Every structure is written in C-alpha cells, then in structure tokens.
Amino acid sequence: MWLFDPQSITYQPQRWWWNPLRALTTVEDAHRLAGHFVLTVEDPGKRDLWGPPPGTWRR
C-alpha cells in the first residue's frame, strides 16, 4: 500500500516520491503541463481553482 501523507500526520517515513516534471523531455511538454495551471488562473470567468461547485452541474 502506498501512503500519501505530505503533512506527516501518520508519522510514517516517506518511501516513494512523485515528480511530475520527471517525464518532461521537451519544451512543448513543459508548455502543455504549465497550461493546465495557467488557464485556470488567467480566465476571469473561472476564479475557483477547483472548478464550479457540484450544485451548478445540474440544470
């Protein structure tokens, strides 16, 4: 079992690491990854980083 506990609440030693930048091999890859974060911040219609609340999904 893998445990993700960045705040060390469980007092378990870290046994694995994930680096999202490790797979980037080109500038285009880096640009695509950065775009996921930039589009959310720069779009004035989407101020909420996590998206709209669930109640707005239904019509």
PDB file of N, CA and C in Angstrom:
ATOM      1  N   MET A   1       0.839  -1.162   0.000  1.00  0.00           N
ATOM      2  CA  MET A   1       0.000   0.000   0.000  1.00  0.00           C
ATOM      3  C   MET A   1       0.891   1.234   0.000  1.00  0.00           C
ATOM      4  N   TRP A   2       0.509   2.218  -0.808  1.00  0.00           N
ATOM      5  CA  TRP A   2       1.218   3.484  -0.838  1.00  0.00           C
ATOM      6  C   TRP A   2       0.485   4.486   0.037  1.00  0.00           C
ATOM      7  N   LEU A   3       1.234   5.234   0.785  1.00  0.00           N
ATOM      8  CA  LEU A   3       0.655   6.234   1.677  1.00  0.00           C
ATOM      9  C   LEU A   3       1.106   7.610   1.223  1.00  0.00           C
ATOM     10  N   PHE A   4       0.159   8.486   0.962  1.00  0.00           N
ATOM     11  CA  PHE A   4       0.462   9.870   0.609  1.00  0.00           C
ATOM     12  C   PHE A   4       0.097  10.734   1.804  1.00  0.00           C
ATOM     13  N   ASP A   5       1.096  11.174   2.523  1.00  0.00           N
ATOM     14  CA  ASP A   5       0.889  11.937   3.743  1.00  0.00           C
ATOM     15  C   ASP A   5       1.895  13.097   3.790  1.00  0.00           C
ATOM     16  N   PRO A   6       1.693  14.140   2.972  1.00  0.00           N
ATOM     17  CA  PRO A   6       2.678  15.231   2.911  1.00  0.00           C
ATOM     18  C   PRO A   6       2.803  16.031   4.207  1.00  0.00           C
ATOM     19  N   GLN A   7       1.825  15.919   5.111  1.00  0.00           N
ATOM     20  CA  GLN A   7       1.885  16.665   6.370  1.00  0.00           C
ATOM     21  C   GLN A   7       2.390  15.811   7.525  1.00  0.00           C
ATOM     22  N   SER A   8       2.759  14.559   7.259  1.00  0.00           N
ATOM     23  CA  SER A   8       3.298  13.634   8.279  1.00  0.00           C
ATOM     24  C   SER A   8       2.338  13.429   9.441  1.00  0.00           C
ATOM     25  N   ILE A   9       1.069  13.325   9.147  1.00  0.00           N
ATOM     26  CA  ILE A   9       0.070  13.107  10.185  1.00  0.00           C
ATOM     27  C   ILE A   9       0.184  11.698  10.765  1.00  0.00           C
ATOM     28  N   THR A  10       0.564  10.740   9.923  1.00  0.00           N
ATOM     29  CA  THR A  10       0.642   9.346  10.368  1.00  0.00           C
ATOM     30  C   THR A  10       2.011   8.967  10.933  1.00  0.00           C
ATOM     31  N   TYR A  11       2.957   9.888  10.877  1.00  0.00           N
ATOM     32  CA  TYR A  11       4.322   9.655  11.386  1.00  0.00           C
ATOM     33  C   TYR A  11       5.009   8.473  10.715  1.00  0.00           C
ATOM     34  N   GLN A  12       4.677   8.236   9.448  1.00  0.00           N
ATOM     35  CA  GLN A  12       5.317   7.168   8.686  1.00  0.00           C
ATOM     36  C   GLN A  12       6.411   7.771   7.812  1.00  0.00           C
ATOM     37  N   PRO A  13       7.520   7.080   7.649  1.00  0.00           N
ATOM     38  CA  PRO A  13       8.573   7.612   6.785  1.00  0.00           C
ATOM     39  C   PRO A  13       8.133   7.601   5.316  1.00  0.00           C
ATOM     40  N   GLN A  14       8.636   8.556   4.573  1.00  0.00           N
ATOM     41  CA  GLN A  14       8.308   8.635   3.155  1.00  0.00           C
ATOM     42  C   GLN A  14       9.079   7.546   2.420  1.00  0.00           C
ATOM     43  N   ARG A  15       8.371   6.721   1.652  1.00  0.00           N
ATOM     44  CA  ARG A  15       9.004   5.602   0.950  1.00  0.00           C
ATOM     45  C   ARG A  15       8.925   5.727  -0.556  1.00  0.00           C
ATOM     46  N   TRP A  16       8.188   6.690  -1.070  1.00  0.00           N
ATOM     47  CA  TRP A  16       8.124   6.895  -2.510  1.00  0.00           C
ATOM     48  C   TRP A  16       7.950   8.373  -2.808  1.00  0.00           C
ATOM     49  N   TRP A  17       8.342   8.769  -3.996  1.00  0.00           N
ATOM     50  CA  TRP A  17       8.288  10.149  -4.421  1.00  0.00           C
ATOM     51  C   TRP A  17       7.672  10.199  -5.800  1.00  0.00           C
ATOM     52  N   TRP A  18       6.989  11.282  -6.099  1.00  0.00           N
ATOM     53  CA  TRP A  18       6.445  11.507  -7.422  1.00  0.00           C
ATOM     54  C   TRP A  18       6.860  12.891  -7.868  1.00  0.00           C
ATOM     55  N   ASN A  19       7.533  12.939  -8.983  1.00  0.00           N
ATOM     56  CA  ASN A  19       7.973  14.199  -9.541  1.00  0.00           C
ATOM     57  C   ASN A  19       7.261  14.398 -10.878  1.00  0.00           C
ATOM     58  N   PRO A  20       6.265  15.279 -10.959  1.00  0.00           N
ATOM     59  CA  PRO A  20       5.538  15.463 -12.217  1.00  0.00           C
ATOM     60  C   PRO A  20       6.399  16.051 -13.329  1.00  0.00           C
ATOM     61  N   LEU A  21       7.544  16.600 -12.999  1.00  0.00           N
ATOM     62  CA  LEU A  21       8.420  17.184 -14.014  1.00  0.00           C
ATOM     63  C   LEU A  21       9.373  16.150 -14.628  1.00  0.00           C
ATOM     64  N   ARG A  22       9.478  15.002 -14.020  1.00  0.00           N
ATOM     65  CA  ARG A  22      10.432  13.989 -14.474  1.00  0.00           C
ATOM     66  C   ARG A  22      10.167  13.516 -15.897  1.00  0.00           C
ATOM     67  N   ALA A  23       8.907  13.420 -16.280  1.00  0.00           N
ATOM     68  CA  ALA A  23       8.556  12.913 -17.601  1.00  0.00           C
ATOM     69  C   ALA A  23       8.718  13.955 -18.712  1.00  0.00           C
ATOM     70  N   LEU A  24       8.951  15.204 -18.354  1.00  0.00           N
ATOM     71  CA  LEU A  24       9.081  16.249 -19.363  1.00  0.00           C
ATOM     72  C   LEU A  24      10.418  16.130 -20.074  1.00  0.00           C
ATOM     73  N   THR A  25      10.355  16.033 -21.387  1.00  0.00           N
ATOM     74  CA  THR A  25      11.589  15.903 -22.168  1.00  0.00           C
ATOM     75  C   THR A  25      11.760  17.020 -23.175  1.00  0.00           C
ATOM     76  N   THR A  26      10.686  17.755 -23.452  1.00  0.00           N
ATOM     77  CA  THR A  26      10.775  18.844 -24.425  1.00  0.00           C
ATOM     78  C   THR A  26      10.121  20.096 -23.859  1.00  0.00           C
ATOM     79  N   VAL A  27      10.398  21.197 -24.507  1.00  0.00           N
ATOM     80  CA  VAL A  27       9.784  22.458 -24.119  1.00  0.00           C
ATOM     81  C   VAL A  27       8.277  22.389 -24.358  1.00  0.00           C
ATOM     82  N   GLU A  28       7.877  21.692 -25.392  1.00  0.00           N
ATOM     83  CA  GLU A  28       6.456  21.555 -25.690  1.00  0.00           C
ATOM     84  C   GLU A  28       5.733  20.807 -24.577  1.00  0.00           C
ATOM     85  N   ASP A  29       6.363  19.752 -24.051  1.00  0.00           N
ATOM     86  CA  ASP A  29       5.774  19.016 -22.929  1.00  0.00           C
ATOM     87  C   ASP A  29       5.608  19.921 -21.715  1.00  0.00           C
ATOM     88  N   ALA A  30       6.626  20.718 -21.427  1.00  0.00           N
ATOM     89  CA  ALA A  30       6.568  21.625 -20.284  1.00  0.00           C
ATOM     90  C   ALA A  30       5.483  22.683 -20.487  1.00  0.00           C
ATOM     91  N   HIS A  31       5.358  23.177 -21.700  1.00  0.00           N
ATOM     92  CA  HIS A  31       4.344  24.184 -22.009  1.00  0.00           C
ATOM     93  C   HIS A  31       2.944  23.604 -21.818  1.00  0.00           C
ATOM     94  N   ARG A  32       2.734  22.372 -22.264  1.00  0.00           N
ATOM     95  CA  ARG A  32       1.435  21.726 -22.123  1.00  0.00           C
ATOM     96  C   ARG A  32       1.086  21.524 -20.649  1.00  0.00           C
ATOM     97  N   LEU A  33       2.053  21.080 -19.842  1.00  0.00           N
ATOM     98  CA  LEU A  33       1.814  20.875 -18.419  1.00  0.00           C
ATOM     99  C   LEU A  33       1.510  22.202 -17.723  1.00  0.00           C
ATOM    100  N   ALA A  34       2.282  23.227 -18.024  1.00  0.00           N
ATOM    101  CA  ALA A  34       2.067  24.536 -17.404  1.00  0.00           C
ATOM    102  C   ALA A  34       0.722  25.117 -17.808  1.00  0.00           C
ATOM    103  N   GLY A  35       0.256  24.788 -19.000  1.00  0.00           N
ATOM    104  CA  GLY A  35      -1.021  25.296 -19.473  1.00  0.00           C
ATOM    105  C   GLY A  35      -2.191  24.863 -18.616  1.00  0.00           C
ATOM    106  N   HIS A  36      -2.088  23.709 -17.984  1.00  0.00           N
ATOM    107  CA  HIS A  36      -3.175  23.249 -17.119  1.00  0.00           C
ATOM    108  C   HIS A  36      -3.376  24.193 -15.930  1.00  0.00           C
ATOM    109  N   PHE A  37      -2.300  24.791 -15.471  1.00  0.00           N
ATOM    110  CA  PHE A  37      -2.378  25.684 -14.318  1.00  0.00           C
ATOM    111  C   PHE A  37      -2.649  27.120 -14.737  1.00  0.00           C
ATOM    112  N   VAL A  38      -2.056  27.565 -15.805  1.00  0.00           N
ATOM    113  CA  VAL A  38      -2.180  28.953 -16.246  1.00  0.00           C
ATOM    114  C   VAL A  38      -3.591  29.262 -16.718  1.00  0.00           C
ATOM    115  N   LEU A  39      -4.222  28.365 -17.454  1.00  0.00           N
ATOM    116  CA  LEU A  39      -5.557  28.631 -17.969  1.00  0.00           C
ATOM    117  C   LEU A  39      -6.557  28.882 -16.851  1.00  0.00           C
ATOM    118  N   THR A  40      -6.462  28.149 -15.776  1.00  0.00           N
ATOM    119  CA  THR A  40      -7.390  28.321 -14.664  1.00  0.00           C
ATOM    120  C   THR A  40      -7.193  29.669 -13.983  1.00  0.00           C
ATOM    121  N   VAL A  41      -5.957  30.094 -13.825  1.00  0.00           N
ATOM    122  CA  VAL A  41      -5.667  31.338 -13.117  1.00  0.00           C
ATOM    123  C   VAL A  41      -5.999  32.549 -13.977  1.00  0.00           C
ATOM    124  N   GLU A  42      -5.735  32.484 -15.280  1.00  0.00           N
ATOM    125  CA  GLU A  42      -5.908  33.653 -16.133  1.00  0.00           C
ATOM    126  C   GLU A  42      -7.340  33.868 -16.613  1.00  0.00           C
ATOM    127  N   ASP A  43      -8.192  32.873 -16.551  1.00  0.00           N
ATOM    128  CA  ASP A  43      -9.563  33.003 -17.043  1.00  0.00           C
ATOM    129  C   ASP A  43     -10.425  33.696 -15.994  1.00  0.00           C
ATOM    130  N   PRO A  44     -10.865  34.940 -16.241  1.00  0.00           N
ATOM    131  CA  PRO A  44     -11.651  35.668 -15.233  1.00  0.00           C
ATOM    132  C   PRO A  44     -12.988  35.004 -14.945  1.00  0.00           C
ATOM    133  N   GLY A  45     -13.493  34.196 -15.850  1.00  0.00           N
ATOM    134  CA  GLY A  45     -14.759  33.511 -15.627  1.00  0.00           C
ATOM    135  C   GLY A  45     -14.622  32.282 -14.754  1.00  0.00           C
ATOM    136  N   LYS A  46     -13.401  31.849 -14.512  1.00  0.00           N
ATOM    137  CA  LYS A  46     -13.161  30.645 -13.706  1.00  0.00           C
ATOM    138  C   LYS A  46     -12.206  30.985 -12.568  1.00  0.00           C
ATOM    139  N   ARG A  47     -12.672  31.703 -11.611  1.00  0.00           N
ATOM    140  CA  ARG A  47     -11.846  32.120 -10.480  1.00  0.00           C
ATOM    141  C   ARG A  47     -11.576  30.988  -9.493  1.00  0.00           C
ATOM    142  N   ASP A  48     -12.478  30.015  -9.425  1.00  0.00           N
ATOM    143  CA  ASP A  48     -12.319  28.920  -8.477  1.00  0.00           C
ATOM    144  C   ASP A  48     -11.323  27.911  -9.043  1.00  0.00           C
ATOM    145  N   LEU A  49     -10.227  27.677  -8.348  1.00  0.00           N
ATOM    146  CA  LEU A  49      -9.177  26.783  -8.824  1.00  0.00           C
ATOM    147  C   LEU A  49      -9.673  25.365  -9.030  1.00  0.00           C
ATOM    148  N   TRP A  50     -10.628  24.907  -8.239  1.00  0.00           N
ATOM    149  CA  TRP A  50     -11.097  23.523  -8.300  1.00  0.00           C
ATOM    150  C   TRP A  50     -12.319  23.343  -9.182  1.00  0.00           C
ATOM    151  N   GLY A  51     -12.768  24.384  -9.843  1.00  0.00           N
ATOM    152  CA  GLY A  51     -13.915  24.271 -10.732  1.00  0.00           C
ATOM    153  C   GLY A  51     -15.192  24.690 -10.044  1.00  0.00           C
ATOM    154  N   PRO A  52     -16.294  24.605 -10.770  1.00  0.00           N
ATOM    155  CA  PRO A  52     -17.570  25.050 -10.193  1.00  0.00           C
ATOM    156  C   PRO A  52     -18.069  24.089  -9.121  1.00  0.00           C
ATOM    157  N   PRO A  53     -18.873  24.576  -8.179  1.00  0.00           N
ATOM    158  CA  PRO A  53     -19.431  23.697  -7.154  1.00  0.00           C
ATOM    159  C   PRO A  53     -20.389  22.682  -7.777  1.00  0.00           C
ATOM    160  N   PRO A  54     -20.567  21.528  -7.168  1.00  0.00           N
ATOM    161  CA  PRO A  54     -21.413  20.471  -7.734  1.00  0.00           C
ATOM    162  C   PRO A  54     -22.843  20.901  -8.022  1.00  0.00           C
ATOM    163  N   GLY A  55     -23.393  21.796  -7.266  1.00  0.00           N
ATOM    164  CA  GLY A  55     -24.768  22.233  -7.478  1.00  0.00           C
ATOM    165  C   GLY A  55     -24.997  22.931  -8.804  1.00  0.00           C
ATOM    166  N   THR A  56     -23.952  23.448  -9.415  1.00  0.00           N
ATOM    167  CA  THR A  56     -24.091  24.160 -10.687  1.00  0.00           C
ATOM    168  C   THR A  56     -24.022  23.213 -11.886  1.00  0.00           C
ATOM    169  N   TRP A  57     -23.745  21.946 -11.678  1.00  0.00           N
ATOM    170  CA  TRP A  57     -23.630  20.988 -12.783  1.00  0.00           C
ATOM    171  C   TRP A  57     -25.004  20.597 -13.313  1.00  0.00           C
ATOM    172  N   ARG A  58     -25.985  20.538 -12.431  1.00  0.00           N
ATOM    173  CA  ARG A  58     -27.334  20.116 -12.839  1.00  0.00           C
ATOM    174  C   ARG A  58     -28.112  21.281 -13.425  1.00  0.00           C
ATOM    175  N   ARG A  59     -29.032  20.960 -14.281  1.00  0.00           N
ATOM    176  CA  ARG A  59     -29.879  22.007 -14.867  1.00  0.00           C
ATOM    177  C   ARG A  59     -31.289  21.828 -14.439  1.00  0.00           C
TER     178      ARG A  59
END
